[in-house]
Amino acid sequence: MTATSAAGDTSAPKPTGRGAARRSALFEELVTLLVSEGFARLTLDDLAARLHCSKRTLYGIADSKEQLVRAAVVHFFRRATKRVESVLASETEPARRLAAYLRAVSDELAPVSPQFFDDVAAFEPAAEVYERNTRAAAGRVQQLIEEGVAAGVFRQVHVPFAADVISSVMVRIQQRRVAASTGLADAEAYEHLAELLLNGLTKS
C-alpha cells in the first residue's frame, strides 16, 4: 500500500471547537465498525444506535451515509499505508523488504471482514479508493523488485512485465475475483503472492 491522494479525498474529519476530540474518536469507532461488519445493510439510524450517538452528530462528520462510508474507507487505507511503510522502513535487504511489504499488507487486511470487502466492491466510490490504493501498492512492489534486481539479489527478470502480472493479481484480489475463484481471503491471497514472488525472484 502506498499513500495516494486525489481531488476531493477526505479521511478522518478535522473538526475544530467543542466536541472535536469526541467526533474524532467517534469516527475511529465508525471505521472499526464498518471494517468489522461491512456497511451496505446499515442505515444511518443503525450507525447512530451502534455508536451511541445522534444522526445529527454523524452529519457533523459527513453530509450523507455515502460520504461517511467513503471517508471511512479512505481513512482505513491511509492508516494501513502508514503502518505498512513503517514496517518496510525497518528492513534494508531487498528480499526481506519485498517480503515485509507484502506480509505487512496481508497483516493489515487480515482483521477485515469479508462483508466489508464485498460491500466496498459493490459501492463504486469505495471501490475506486481500494483500486487506487491497489495500483499504488503494485507500483511500490515494482520499485522493490527493481531494488532487488539492481542489488543482484533477484534474478534478471523483465521488471515491467513482472510488475504488470503482479498488478493484475492484486487488482483481481481487490475486485474479489480471487476470493470467488479460490476461496482465499484477501490477506491469505497476499501471503501466497509473497511466497510465489520470493520463490520466483530470489537467486538460489
N, C-alpha and C. Protein backbone atom coordinates (compact mmCIF):
# COMPACT_ATOMS: atom_id res chain seq x y z
N MET A 1 0.84 -1.18 0.00
CA MET A 1 0.00 0.00 0.00
C MET A 1 0.88 1.24 0.00
N THR A 2 0.51 2.18 -0.80
CA THR A 2 1.22 3.43 -0.86
C THR A 2 0.22 4.55 -0.79
N ALA A 3 0.51 5.55 -0.02
CA ALA A 3 -0.44 6.65 0.14
C ALA A 3 -0.70 7.31 -1.19
N THR A 4 -1.95 7.55 -1.49
CA THR A 4 -2.34 8.24 -2.71
C THR A 4 -3.26 9.37 -2.35
N SER A 5 -3.36 10.32 -3.22
CA SER A 5 -4.27 11.44 -2.98
C SER A 5 -4.97 11.78 -4.26
N ALA A 6 -6.14 12.34 -4.11
CA ALA A 6 -6.90 12.76 -5.27
C ALA A 6 -7.78 13.92 -4.86
N ALA A 7 -8.19 14.69 -5.84
CA ALA A 7 -9.05 15.83 -5.55
C ALA A 7 -10.32 15.35 -4.85
N GLY A 8 -10.65 16.04 -3.78
CA GLY A 8 -11.88 15.70 -3.08
C GLY A 8 -11.75 14.58 -2.08
N ASP A 9 -10.53 14.01 -1.93
CA ASP A 9 -10.36 12.95 -0.95
C ASP A 9 -10.58 13.49 0.45
N THR A 10 -11.30 12.72 1.23
CA THR A 10 -11.47 13.06 2.63
C THR A 10 -11.17 11.84 3.46
N SER A 11 -10.60 12.05 4.61
CA SER A 11 -10.33 10.93 5.50
C SER A 11 -10.93 11.29 6.84
N ALA A 12 -10.16 11.09 7.92
CA ALA A 12 -10.69 11.43 9.24
C ALA A 12 -11.06 12.90 9.27
N PRO A 13 -12.18 13.24 9.89
CA PRO A 13 -12.59 14.63 9.95
C PRO A 13 -11.62 15.45 10.78
N LYS A 14 -11.51 16.72 10.46
CA LYS A 14 -10.64 17.61 11.21
C LYS A 14 -11.49 18.72 11.82
N PRO A 15 -12.36 18.33 12.75
CA PRO A 15 -13.25 19.31 13.36
C PRO A 15 -12.50 20.25 14.28
N THR A 16 -13.07 21.40 14.51
CA THR A 16 -12.49 22.35 15.45
C THR A 16 -13.56 22.74 16.45
N GLY A 17 -13.12 23.30 17.55
CA GLY A 17 -14.08 23.76 18.54
C GLY A 17 -14.49 22.65 19.49
N ARG A 18 -15.57 22.93 20.21
CA ARG A 18 -16.04 21.98 21.21
C ARG A 18 -16.47 20.67 20.57
N GLY A 19 -16.15 19.59 21.22
CA GLY A 19 -16.56 18.28 20.73
C GLY A 19 -15.64 17.70 19.68
N ALA A 20 -14.53 18.39 19.36
CA ALA A 20 -13.65 17.91 18.30
C ALA A 20 -13.07 16.54 18.63
N ALA A 21 -12.59 16.38 19.85
CA ALA A 21 -11.98 15.10 20.23
C ALA A 21 -13.01 13.99 20.20
N ARG A 22 -14.22 14.29 20.64
CA ARG A 22 -15.28 13.28 20.63
C ARG A 22 -15.62 12.86 19.21
N ARG A 23 -15.72 13.82 18.28
CA ARG A 23 -16.05 13.47 16.90
C ARG A 23 -14.93 12.65 16.25
N SER A 24 -13.69 12.98 16.56
CA SER A 24 -12.57 12.20 16.02
C SER A 24 -12.59 10.77 16.56
N ALA A 25 -12.86 10.64 17.86
CA ALA A 25 -12.95 9.31 18.46
C ALA A 25 -14.12 8.53 17.88
N LEU A 26 -15.22 9.23 17.65
CA LEU A 26 -16.40 8.60 17.07
C LEU A 26 -16.11 8.10 15.66
N PHE A 27 -15.36 8.88 14.91
CA PHE A 27 -15.01 8.47 13.55
C PHE A 27 -14.17 7.20 13.58
N GLU A 28 -13.23 7.11 14.51
CA GLU A 28 -12.42 5.90 14.64
C GLU A 28 -13.30 4.70 14.98
N GLU A 29 -14.28 4.90 15.85
CA GLU A 29 -15.22 3.83 16.19
C GLU A 29 -16.02 3.41 14.96
N LEU A 30 -16.40 4.39 14.15
CA LEU A 30 -17.14 4.11 12.93
C LEU A 30 -16.32 3.25 11.98
N VAL A 31 -15.06 3.61 11.79
CA VAL A 31 -14.18 2.84 10.90
C VAL A 31 -14.07 1.40 11.40
N THR A 32 -13.87 1.23 12.69
CA THR A 32 -13.77 -0.11 13.28
C THR A 32 -15.04 -0.91 13.04
N LEU A 33 -16.19 -0.28 13.21
CA LEU A 33 -17.47 -0.95 13.00
C LEU A 33 -17.64 -1.38 11.55
N LEU A 34 -17.37 -0.49 10.61
CA LEU A 34 -17.56 -0.81 9.20
C LEU A 34 -16.60 -1.90 8.74
N VAL A 35 -15.36 -1.83 9.20
CA VAL A 35 -14.37 -2.84 8.82
C VAL A 35 -14.75 -4.21 9.37
N SER A 36 -15.37 -4.22 10.53
CA SER A 36 -15.74 -5.49 11.17
C SER A 36 -17.00 -6.10 10.58
N GLU A 37 -17.94 -5.25 10.14
CA GLU A 37 -19.25 -5.77 9.76
C GLU A 37 -19.72 -5.39 8.36
N GLY A 38 -18.98 -4.53 7.67
CA GLY A 38 -19.47 -4.03 6.40
C GLY A 38 -20.41 -2.86 6.62
N PHE A 39 -21.00 -2.37 5.53
CA PHE A 39 -21.82 -1.17 5.68
C PHE A 39 -23.08 -1.15 4.83
N ALA A 40 -23.21 -2.05 3.87
CA ALA A 40 -24.34 -1.98 2.94
C ALA A 40 -25.69 -2.09 3.65
N ARG A 41 -25.76 -2.94 4.64
CA ARG A 41 -27.05 -3.18 5.31
C ARG A 41 -27.32 -2.20 6.45
N LEU A 42 -26.36 -1.39 6.78
CA LEU A 42 -26.50 -0.46 7.91
C LEU A 42 -27.02 0.89 7.44
N THR A 43 -28.09 1.35 8.05
CA THR A 43 -28.61 2.69 7.78
C THR A 43 -27.96 3.68 8.73
N LEU A 44 -28.19 4.96 8.49
CA LEU A 44 -27.68 5.97 9.42
C LEU A 44 -28.27 5.79 10.81
N ASP A 45 -29.54 5.38 10.85
CA ASP A 45 -30.16 5.10 12.15
C ASP A 45 -29.43 3.96 12.86
N ASP A 46 -29.08 2.91 12.10
CA ASP A 46 -28.33 1.79 12.67
C ASP A 46 -26.98 2.26 13.20
N LEU A 47 -26.29 3.05 12.39
CA LEU A 47 -24.96 3.52 12.79
C LEU A 47 -25.04 4.38 14.05
N ALA A 48 -26.02 5.26 14.09
CA ALA A 48 -26.18 6.11 15.27
C ALA A 48 -26.45 5.27 16.52
N ALA A 49 -27.29 4.25 16.36
CA ALA A 49 -27.60 3.39 17.51
C ALA A 49 -26.38 2.61 17.96
N ARG A 50 -25.64 2.06 17.00
CA ARG A 50 -24.47 1.25 17.35
C ARG A 50 -23.36 2.09 17.97
N LEU A 51 -23.26 3.34 17.53
CA LEU A 51 -22.20 4.22 18.03
C LEU A 51 -22.65 5.07 19.21
N HIS A 52 -23.91 4.89 19.61
CA HIS A 52 -24.46 5.62 20.76
C HIS A 52 -24.34 7.13 20.57
N CYS A 53 -24.78 7.57 19.41
CA CYS A 53 -24.77 9.00 19.12
C CYS A 53 -26.02 9.34 18.33
N SER A 54 -26.20 10.59 18.03
CA SER A 54 -27.34 11.02 17.22
C SER A 54 -26.97 11.06 15.75
N LYS A 55 -27.98 11.03 14.89
CA LYS A 55 -27.71 11.19 13.46
C LYS A 55 -27.13 12.58 13.19
N ARG A 56 -27.55 13.54 13.96
CA ARG A 56 -27.01 14.89 13.80
C ARG A 56 -25.49 14.89 14.00
N THR A 57 -25.04 14.10 14.97
CA THR A 57 -23.59 14.00 15.20
C THR A 57 -22.89 13.41 14.00
N LEU A 58 -23.50 12.38 13.39
CA LEU A 58 -22.91 11.78 12.19
C LEU A 58 -22.89 12.76 11.04
N TYR A 59 -23.95 13.56 10.92
CA TYR A 59 -23.98 14.58 9.87
C TYR A 59 -22.93 15.66 10.10
N GLY A 60 -22.44 15.76 11.33
CA GLY A 60 -21.35 16.68 11.61
C GLY A 60 -20.02 16.18 11.07
N ILE A 61 -19.96 14.88 10.77
CA ILE A 61 -18.75 14.28 10.20
C ILE A 61 -18.82 14.28 8.68
N ALA A 62 -19.99 13.94 8.13
CA ALA A 62 -20.19 13.91 6.68
C ALA A 62 -21.66 14.18 6.38
N ASP A 63 -21.93 14.61 5.16
CA ASP A 63 -23.29 15.04 4.81
C ASP A 63 -24.25 13.91 4.49
N SER A 64 -23.73 12.70 4.30
CA SER A 64 -24.60 11.56 3.94
C SER A 64 -23.91 10.27 4.34
N LYS A 65 -24.67 9.18 4.33
CA LYS A 65 -24.07 7.88 4.63
C LYS A 65 -23.00 7.56 3.61
N GLU A 66 -23.26 7.86 2.33
CA GLU A 66 -22.30 7.55 1.27
C GLU A 66 -20.98 8.26 1.51
N GLN A 67 -21.04 9.55 1.86
CA GLN A 67 -19.82 10.30 2.13
C GLN A 67 -19.12 9.80 3.39
N LEU A 68 -19.91 9.39 4.35
CA LEU A 68 -19.36 8.85 5.59
C LEU A 68 -18.59 7.56 5.31
N VAL A 69 -19.19 6.69 4.50
CA VAL A 69 -18.55 5.42 4.16
C VAL A 69 -17.26 5.67 3.38
N ARG A 70 -17.32 6.55 2.40
CA ARG A 70 -16.13 6.81 1.60
C ARG A 70 -15.00 7.38 2.47
N ALA A 71 -15.34 8.30 3.35
CA ALA A 71 -14.34 8.87 4.25
C ALA A 71 -13.72 7.78 5.13
N ALA A 72 -14.55 6.85 5.59
CA ALA A 72 -14.05 5.76 6.43
C ALA A 72 -13.11 4.84 5.65
N VAL A 73 -13.46 4.56 4.40
CA VAL A 73 -12.62 3.70 3.57
C VAL A 73 -11.28 4.38 3.27
N VAL A 74 -11.33 5.66 2.93
CA VAL A 74 -10.09 6.41 2.70
C VAL A 74 -9.21 6.37 3.95
N HIS A 75 -9.82 6.60 5.10
CA HIS A 75 -9.07 6.62 6.36
C HIS A 75 -8.46 5.25 6.65
N PHE A 76 -9.22 4.19 6.41
CA PHE A 76 -8.71 2.84 6.67
C PHE A 76 -7.45 2.58 5.85
N PHE A 77 -7.49 2.87 4.55
CA PHE A 77 -6.34 2.58 3.70
C PHE A 77 -5.17 3.53 3.98
N ARG A 78 -5.47 4.77 4.31
CA ARG A 78 -4.39 5.71 4.62
C ARG A 78 -3.66 5.27 5.89
N ARG A 79 -4.42 4.85 6.89
CA ARG A 79 -3.82 4.39 8.14
C ARG A 79 -3.02 3.11 7.91
N ALA A 80 -3.58 2.19 7.11
CA ALA A 80 -2.88 0.94 6.81
C ALA A 80 -1.58 1.22 6.07
N THR A 81 -1.62 2.17 5.13
CA THR A 81 -0.43 2.52 4.36
C THR A 81 0.69 3.00 5.27
N LYS A 82 0.37 3.83 6.24
CA LYS A 82 1.39 4.33 7.16
C LYS A 82 2.04 3.20 7.93
N ARG A 83 1.23 2.24 8.35
CA ARG A 83 1.79 1.12 9.13
C ARG A 83 2.64 0.21 8.25
N VAL A 84 2.17 -0.03 7.02
CA VAL A 84 2.94 -0.87 6.10
C VAL A 84 4.29 -0.23 5.79
N GLU A 85 4.28 1.07 5.51
CA GLU A 85 5.53 1.76 5.20
C GLU A 85 6.46 1.80 6.40
N SER A 86 5.90 1.84 7.59
CA SER A 86 6.71 1.81 8.81
C SER A 86 7.44 0.47 8.93
N VAL A 87 6.73 -0.62 8.62
CA VAL A 87 7.35 -1.95 8.64
C VAL A 87 8.45 -2.02 7.59
N LEU A 88 8.16 -1.51 6.40
CA LEU A 88 9.13 -1.56 5.31
C LEU A 88 10.40 -0.79 5.66
N ALA A 89 10.25 0.33 6.35
CA ALA A 89 11.40 1.17 6.69
C ALA A 89 12.38 0.47 7.62
N SER A 90 11.92 -0.57 8.31
CA SER A 90 12.79 -1.27 9.26
C SER A 90 13.65 -2.33 8.59
N GLU A 91 13.42 -2.58 7.29
CA GLU A 91 14.19 -3.58 6.55
C GLU A 91 15.10 -2.91 5.53
N THR A 92 16.28 -3.47 5.33
CA THR A 92 17.22 -2.91 4.35
C THR A 92 17.56 -3.89 3.23
N GLU A 93 17.51 -5.19 3.50
CA GLU A 93 17.87 -6.20 2.49
C GLU A 93 16.70 -6.35 1.51
N PRO A 94 16.97 -6.30 0.18
CA PRO A 94 15.89 -6.26 -0.82
C PRO A 94 14.86 -7.37 -0.71
N ALA A 95 15.30 -8.61 -0.56
CA ALA A 95 14.34 -9.72 -0.48
C ALA A 95 13.48 -9.59 0.78
N ARG A 96 14.11 -9.20 1.87
CA ARG A 96 13.36 -9.01 3.11
C ARG A 96 12.37 -7.85 2.99
N ARG A 97 12.77 -6.82 2.25
CA ARG A 97 11.88 -5.67 2.07
C ARG A 97 10.63 -6.06 1.29
N LEU A 98 10.81 -6.83 0.22
CA LEU A 98 9.65 -7.26 -0.57
C LEU A 98 8.74 -8.15 0.27
N ALA A 99 9.34 -9.10 0.98
CA ALA A 99 8.55 -10.00 1.83
C ALA A 99 7.84 -9.21 2.92
N ALA A 100 8.57 -8.28 3.55
CA ALA A 100 7.98 -7.49 4.64
C ALA A 100 6.82 -6.65 4.14
N TYR A 101 6.97 -6.10 2.95
CA TYR A 101 5.91 -5.24 2.40
C TYR A 101 4.62 -6.03 2.18
N LEU A 102 4.73 -7.13 1.45
CA LEU A 102 3.53 -7.90 1.12
C LEU A 102 2.91 -8.53 2.37
N ARG A 103 3.73 -8.96 3.29
CA ARG A 103 3.18 -9.56 4.51
C ARG A 103 2.58 -8.50 5.43
N ALA A 104 3.12 -7.30 5.38
CA ALA A 104 2.51 -6.21 6.15
C ALA A 104 1.15 -5.85 5.57
N VAL A 105 1.04 -5.86 4.23
CA VAL A 105 -0.26 -5.65 3.60
C VAL A 105 -1.23 -6.73 4.05
N SER A 106 -0.75 -7.98 4.04
CA SER A 106 -1.59 -9.10 4.48
C SER A 106 -2.04 -8.90 5.93
N ASP A 107 -1.13 -8.47 6.79
CA ASP A 107 -1.47 -8.26 8.20
C ASP A 107 -2.53 -7.17 8.37
N GLU A 108 -2.44 -6.13 7.54
CA GLU A 108 -3.43 -5.05 7.64
C GLU A 108 -4.81 -5.51 7.18
N LEU A 109 -4.84 -6.39 6.19
CA LEU A 109 -6.12 -6.85 5.65
C LEU A 109 -6.73 -8.00 6.45
N ALA A 110 -5.89 -8.71 7.21
CA ALA A 110 -6.36 -9.92 7.90
C ALA A 110 -7.55 -9.69 8.83
N PRO A 111 -7.60 -8.60 9.61
CA PRO A 111 -8.74 -8.44 10.53
C PRO A 111 -10.02 -7.97 9.84
N VAL A 112 -9.94 -7.64 8.57
CA VAL A 112 -11.09 -7.06 7.87
C VAL A 112 -12.08 -8.15 7.48
N SER A 113 -13.35 -7.88 7.70
CA SER A 113 -14.38 -8.89 7.40
C SER A 113 -14.60 -9.03 5.90
N PRO A 114 -14.93 -10.24 5.43
CA PRO A 114 -15.29 -10.42 4.02
C PRO A 114 -16.45 -9.52 3.61
N GLN A 115 -17.38 -9.28 4.54
CA GLN A 115 -18.53 -8.43 4.21
C GLN A 115 -18.09 -7.01 3.86
N PHE A 116 -17.09 -6.50 4.56
CA PHE A 116 -16.58 -5.16 4.25
C PHE A 116 -16.03 -5.12 2.84
N PHE A 117 -15.21 -6.12 2.48
CA PHE A 117 -14.65 -6.15 1.14
C PHE A 117 -15.73 -6.30 0.08
N ASP A 118 -16.73 -7.13 0.36
CA ASP A 118 -17.84 -7.29 -0.59
C ASP A 118 -18.59 -5.97 -0.76
N ASP A 119 -18.82 -5.28 0.33
CA ASP A 119 -19.54 -4.01 0.27
C ASP A 119 -18.72 -2.94 -0.46
N VAL A 120 -17.42 -2.93 -0.22
CA VAL A 120 -16.54 -1.99 -0.92
C VAL A 120 -16.59 -2.24 -2.42
N ALA A 121 -16.52 -3.51 -2.81
CA ALA A 121 -16.54 -3.86 -4.23
C ALA A 121 -17.84 -3.44 -4.90
N ALA A 122 -18.93 -3.44 -4.14
CA ALA A 122 -20.24 -3.13 -4.70
C ALA A 122 -20.58 -1.64 -4.67
N PHE A 123 -19.79 -0.85 -3.96
CA PHE A 123 -20.07 0.58 -3.82
C PHE A 123 -18.98 1.36 -4.55
N GLU A 124 -19.31 1.92 -5.70
CA GLU A 124 -18.30 2.47 -6.61
C GLU A 124 -17.35 3.48 -5.97
N PRO A 125 -17.82 4.46 -5.19
CA PRO A 125 -16.87 5.40 -4.59
C PRO A 125 -15.83 4.72 -3.69
N ALA A 126 -16.26 3.69 -2.95
CA ALA A 126 -15.32 2.96 -2.09
C ALA A 126 -14.42 2.06 -2.92
N ALA A 127 -15.00 1.43 -3.96
CA ALA A 127 -14.22 0.55 -4.83
C ALA A 127 -13.11 1.33 -5.52
N GLU A 128 -13.39 2.57 -5.90
CA GLU A 128 -12.37 3.41 -6.54
C GLU A 128 -11.21 3.68 -5.59
N VAL A 129 -11.52 3.88 -4.32
CA VAL A 129 -10.47 4.11 -3.32
C VAL A 129 -9.59 2.87 -3.19
N TYR A 130 -10.22 1.70 -3.08
CA TYR A 130 -9.46 0.45 -2.95
C TYR A 130 -8.63 0.21 -4.21
N GLU A 131 -9.22 0.45 -5.38
CA GLU A 131 -8.49 0.22 -6.62
C GLU A 131 -7.28 1.15 -6.72
N ARG A 132 -7.45 2.41 -6.37
CA ARG A 132 -6.34 3.35 -6.45
C ARG A 132 -5.21 2.94 -5.51
N ASN A 133 -5.56 2.50 -4.31
CA ASN A 133 -4.55 2.04 -3.37
C ASN A 133 -3.88 0.76 -3.84
N THR A 134 -4.66 -0.12 -4.49
CA THR A 134 -4.10 -1.36 -5.01
C THR A 134 -3.08 -1.07 -6.10
N ARG A 135 -3.41 -0.16 -7.00
CA ARG A 135 -2.48 0.16 -8.09
C ARG A 135 -1.24 0.87 -7.55
N ALA A 136 -1.41 1.69 -6.54
CA ALA A 136 -0.25 2.32 -5.91
C ALA A 136 0.64 1.27 -5.24
N ALA A 137 0.01 0.29 -4.61
CA ALA A 137 0.76 -0.79 -3.97
C ALA A 137 1.51 -1.62 -5.01
N ALA A 138 0.87 -1.85 -6.16
CA ALA A 138 1.54 -2.59 -7.23
C ALA A 138 2.77 -1.82 -7.72
N GLY A 139 2.64 -0.50 -7.80
CA GLY A 139 3.79 0.31 -8.18
C GLY A 139 4.91 0.23 -7.15
N ARG A 140 4.53 0.14 -5.88
CA ARG A 140 5.53 0.00 -4.81
C ARG A 140 6.25 -1.33 -4.93
N VAL A 141 5.51 -2.38 -5.25
CA VAL A 141 6.12 -3.69 -5.44
C VAL A 141 7.12 -3.64 -6.59
N GLN A 142 6.76 -2.96 -7.68
CA GLN A 142 7.69 -2.83 -8.80
C GLN A 142 8.98 -2.16 -8.36
N GLN A 143 8.88 -1.10 -7.56
CA GLN A 143 10.07 -0.44 -7.05
C GLN A 143 10.94 -1.40 -6.24
N LEU A 144 10.30 -2.22 -5.42
CA LEU A 144 11.04 -3.16 -4.58
C LEU A 144 11.72 -4.24 -5.41
N ILE A 145 11.06 -4.68 -6.47
CA ILE A 145 11.69 -5.66 -7.37
C ILE A 145 12.88 -5.02 -8.07
N GLU A 146 12.72 -3.79 -8.53
CA GLU A 146 13.84 -3.09 -9.18
C GLU A 146 15.03 -2.96 -8.24
N GLU A 147 14.77 -2.68 -6.97
CA GLU A 147 15.84 -2.61 -5.97
C GLU A 147 16.58 -3.94 -5.88
N GLY A 148 15.81 -5.03 -5.84
CA GLY A 148 16.41 -6.35 -5.70
C GLY A 148 17.23 -6.76 -6.91
N VAL A 149 16.73 -6.43 -8.11
CA VAL A 149 17.47 -6.74 -9.34
C VAL A 149 18.76 -5.93 -9.38
N ALA A 150 18.67 -4.64 -9.07
CA ALA A 150 19.85 -3.77 -9.09
C ALA A 150 20.90 -4.22 -8.09
N ALA A 151 20.46 -4.78 -6.97
CA ALA A 151 21.39 -5.23 -5.93
C ALA A 151 21.94 -6.62 -6.22
N GLY A 152 21.44 -7.28 -7.27
CA GLY A 152 21.90 -8.61 -7.60
C GLY A 152 21.30 -9.71 -6.75
N VAL A 153 20.27 -9.37 -5.99
CA VAL A 153 19.61 -10.35 -5.12
C VAL A 153 18.54 -11.12 -5.88
N PHE A 154 17.85 -10.43 -6.78
CA PHE A 154 16.80 -11.05 -7.59
C PHE A 154 17.33 -11.38 -8.98
N ARG A 155 16.68 -12.33 -9.60
CA ARG A 155 17.03 -12.70 -10.97
C ARG A 155 16.82 -11.51 -11.90
N GLN A 156 17.48 -11.57 -13.06
CA GLN A 156 17.32 -10.53 -14.07
C GLN A 156 16.02 -10.78 -14.84
N VAL A 157 14.93 -10.35 -14.25
CA VAL A 157 13.62 -10.51 -14.87
C VAL A 157 13.25 -9.24 -15.62
N HIS A 158 12.25 -9.35 -16.48
CA HIS A 158 11.71 -8.17 -17.15
C HIS A 158 10.78 -7.48 -16.14
N VAL A 159 11.30 -6.47 -15.47
CA VAL A 159 10.59 -5.88 -14.34
C VAL A 159 9.22 -5.32 -14.71
N PRO A 160 9.09 -4.56 -15.82
CA PRO A 160 7.75 -4.06 -16.17
C PRO A 160 6.74 -5.18 -16.39
N PHE A 161 7.19 -6.29 -17.01
CA PHE A 161 6.27 -7.42 -17.22
C PHE A 161 5.89 -8.05 -15.88
N ALA A 162 6.90 -8.26 -15.03
CA ALA A 162 6.63 -8.84 -13.71
C ALA A 162 5.67 -7.95 -12.94
N ALA A 163 5.88 -6.64 -13.01
CA ALA A 163 5.02 -5.71 -12.30
C ALA A 163 3.60 -5.74 -12.86
N ASP A 164 3.47 -5.91 -14.17
CA ASP A 164 2.15 -5.97 -14.79
C ASP A 164 1.40 -7.21 -14.32
N VAL A 165 2.11 -8.34 -14.25
CA VAL A 165 1.49 -9.58 -13.76
C VAL A 165 1.05 -9.42 -12.31
N ILE A 166 1.95 -8.86 -11.50
CA ILE A 166 1.64 -8.67 -10.08
C ILE A 166 0.45 -7.73 -9.91
N SER A 167 0.46 -6.65 -10.69
CA SER A 167 -0.65 -5.69 -10.63
C SER A 167 -1.97 -6.36 -10.98
N SER A 168 -1.95 -7.24 -11.99
CA SER A 168 -3.17 -7.94 -12.40
C SER A 168 -3.71 -8.80 -11.26
N VAL A 169 -2.80 -9.49 -10.57
CA VAL A 169 -3.22 -10.33 -9.44
C VAL A 169 -3.78 -9.47 -8.31
N MET A 170 -3.11 -8.37 -8.02
CA MET A 170 -3.55 -7.51 -6.93
C MET A 170 -4.91 -6.88 -7.23
N VAL A 171 -5.13 -6.52 -8.49
CA VAL A 171 -6.43 -5.98 -8.88
C VAL A 171 -7.51 -7.05 -8.77
N ARG A 172 -7.17 -8.28 -9.15
CA ARG A 172 -8.13 -9.38 -9.01
C ARG A 172 -8.48 -9.61 -7.54
N ILE A 173 -7.48 -9.49 -6.67
CA ILE A 173 -7.76 -9.60 -5.23
C ILE A 173 -8.71 -8.49 -4.81
N GLN A 174 -8.41 -7.27 -5.24
CA GLN A 174 -9.23 -6.11 -4.87
C GLN A 174 -10.66 -6.24 -5.37
N GLN A 175 -10.83 -6.80 -6.56
CA GLN A 175 -12.16 -6.94 -7.15
C GLN A 175 -12.91 -8.17 -6.65
N ARG A 176 -12.33 -8.88 -5.70
CA ARG A 176 -12.94 -10.06 -5.07
C ARG A 176 -12.99 -11.25 -6.01
N ARG A 177 -12.28 -11.20 -7.13
CA ARG A 177 -12.31 -12.30 -8.08
C ARG A 177 -11.46 -13.47 -7.60
N VAL A 178 -10.37 -13.18 -6.89
CA VAL A 178 -9.56 -14.26 -6.31
C VAL A 178 -10.35 -14.97 -5.22
N ALA A 179 -11.03 -14.22 -4.41
CA ALA A 179 -11.87 -14.83 -3.36
C ALA A 179 -12.93 -15.73 -3.97
N ALA A 180 -13.53 -15.27 -5.07
CA ALA A 180 -14.60 -16.04 -5.71
C ALA A 180 -14.08 -17.32 -6.34
N SER A 181 -12.88 -17.27 -6.93
CA SER A 181 -12.36 -18.43 -7.65
C SER A 181 -11.56 -19.39 -6.78
N THR A 182 -11.01 -18.91 -5.66
CA THR A 182 -10.14 -19.76 -4.83
C THR A 182 -10.65 -19.94 -3.41
N GLY A 183 -11.52 -19.05 -2.97
CA GLY A 183 -11.97 -19.09 -1.58
C GLY A 183 -11.01 -18.43 -0.61
N LEU A 184 -9.90 -17.87 -1.13
CA LEU A 184 -8.92 -17.22 -0.26
C LEU A 184 -9.40 -15.84 0.16
N ALA A 185 -9.19 -15.52 1.42
CA ALA A 185 -9.41 -14.15 1.88
C ALA A 185 -8.33 -13.26 1.27
N ASP A 186 -8.57 -11.95 1.23
CA ASP A 186 -7.60 -11.04 0.64
C ASP A 186 -6.23 -11.16 1.32
N ALA A 187 -6.22 -11.24 2.64
CA ALA A 187 -4.96 -11.35 3.37
C ALA A 187 -4.22 -12.64 3.01
N GLU A 188 -4.96 -13.75 2.90
CA GLU A 188 -4.35 -15.03 2.52
C GLU A 188 -3.78 -14.96 1.12
N ALA A 189 -4.49 -14.29 0.22
CA ALA A 189 -4.01 -14.17 -1.16
C ALA A 189 -2.69 -13.41 -1.21
N TYR A 190 -2.56 -12.36 -0.40
CA TYR A 190 -1.30 -11.61 -0.36
C TYR A 190 -0.17 -12.46 0.22
N GLU A 191 -0.47 -13.32 1.17
CA GLU A 191 0.54 -14.22 1.71
C GLU A 191 1.06 -15.16 0.62
N HIS A 192 0.15 -15.73 -0.15
CA HIS A 192 0.56 -16.63 -1.23
C HIS A 192 1.30 -15.88 -2.33
N LEU A 193 0.89 -14.65 -2.61
CA LEU A 193 1.59 -13.85 -3.61
C LEU A 193 3.02 -13.58 -3.16
N ALA A 194 3.21 -13.27 -1.89
CA ALA A 194 4.55 -13.03 -1.37
C ALA A 194 5.42 -14.28 -1.52
N GLU A 195 4.85 -15.43 -1.21
CA GLU A 195 5.60 -16.69 -1.33
C GLU A 195 6.00 -16.96 -2.77
N LEU A 196 5.06 -16.79 -3.70
CA LEU A 196 5.35 -17.02 -5.11
C LEU A 196 6.44 -16.07 -5.62
N LEU A 197 6.33 -14.81 -5.27
CA LEU A 197 7.29 -13.82 -5.74
C LEU A 197 8.69 -14.12 -5.24
N LEU A 198 8.81 -14.39 -3.96
CA LEU A 198 10.13 -14.63 -3.39
C LEU A 198 10.76 -15.89 -3.94
N ASN A 199 9.96 -16.94 -4.10
CA ASN A 199 10.49 -18.19 -4.66
C ASN A 199 10.89 -18.01 -6.12
N GLY A 200 10.16 -17.18 -6.84
CA GLY A 200 10.45 -16.99 -8.26
C GLY A 200 11.56 -16.00 -8.54
N LEU A 201 11.73 -15.02 -7.66
CA LEU A 201 12.69 -13.94 -7.92
C LEU A 201 14.05 -14.16 -7.29
N THR A 202 14.08 -14.77 -6.12
CA THR A 202 15.33 -14.88 -5.37
C THR A 202 16.28 -15.88 -6.03
N LYS A 203 17.53 -15.46 -6.16
CA LYS A 203 18.54 -16.35 -6.73
C LYS A 203 18.82 -17.49 -5.77
N SER A 204 18.97 -18.69 -6.32
CA SER A 204 19.25 -19.85 -5.46
C SER A 204 20.74 -19.94 -5.15
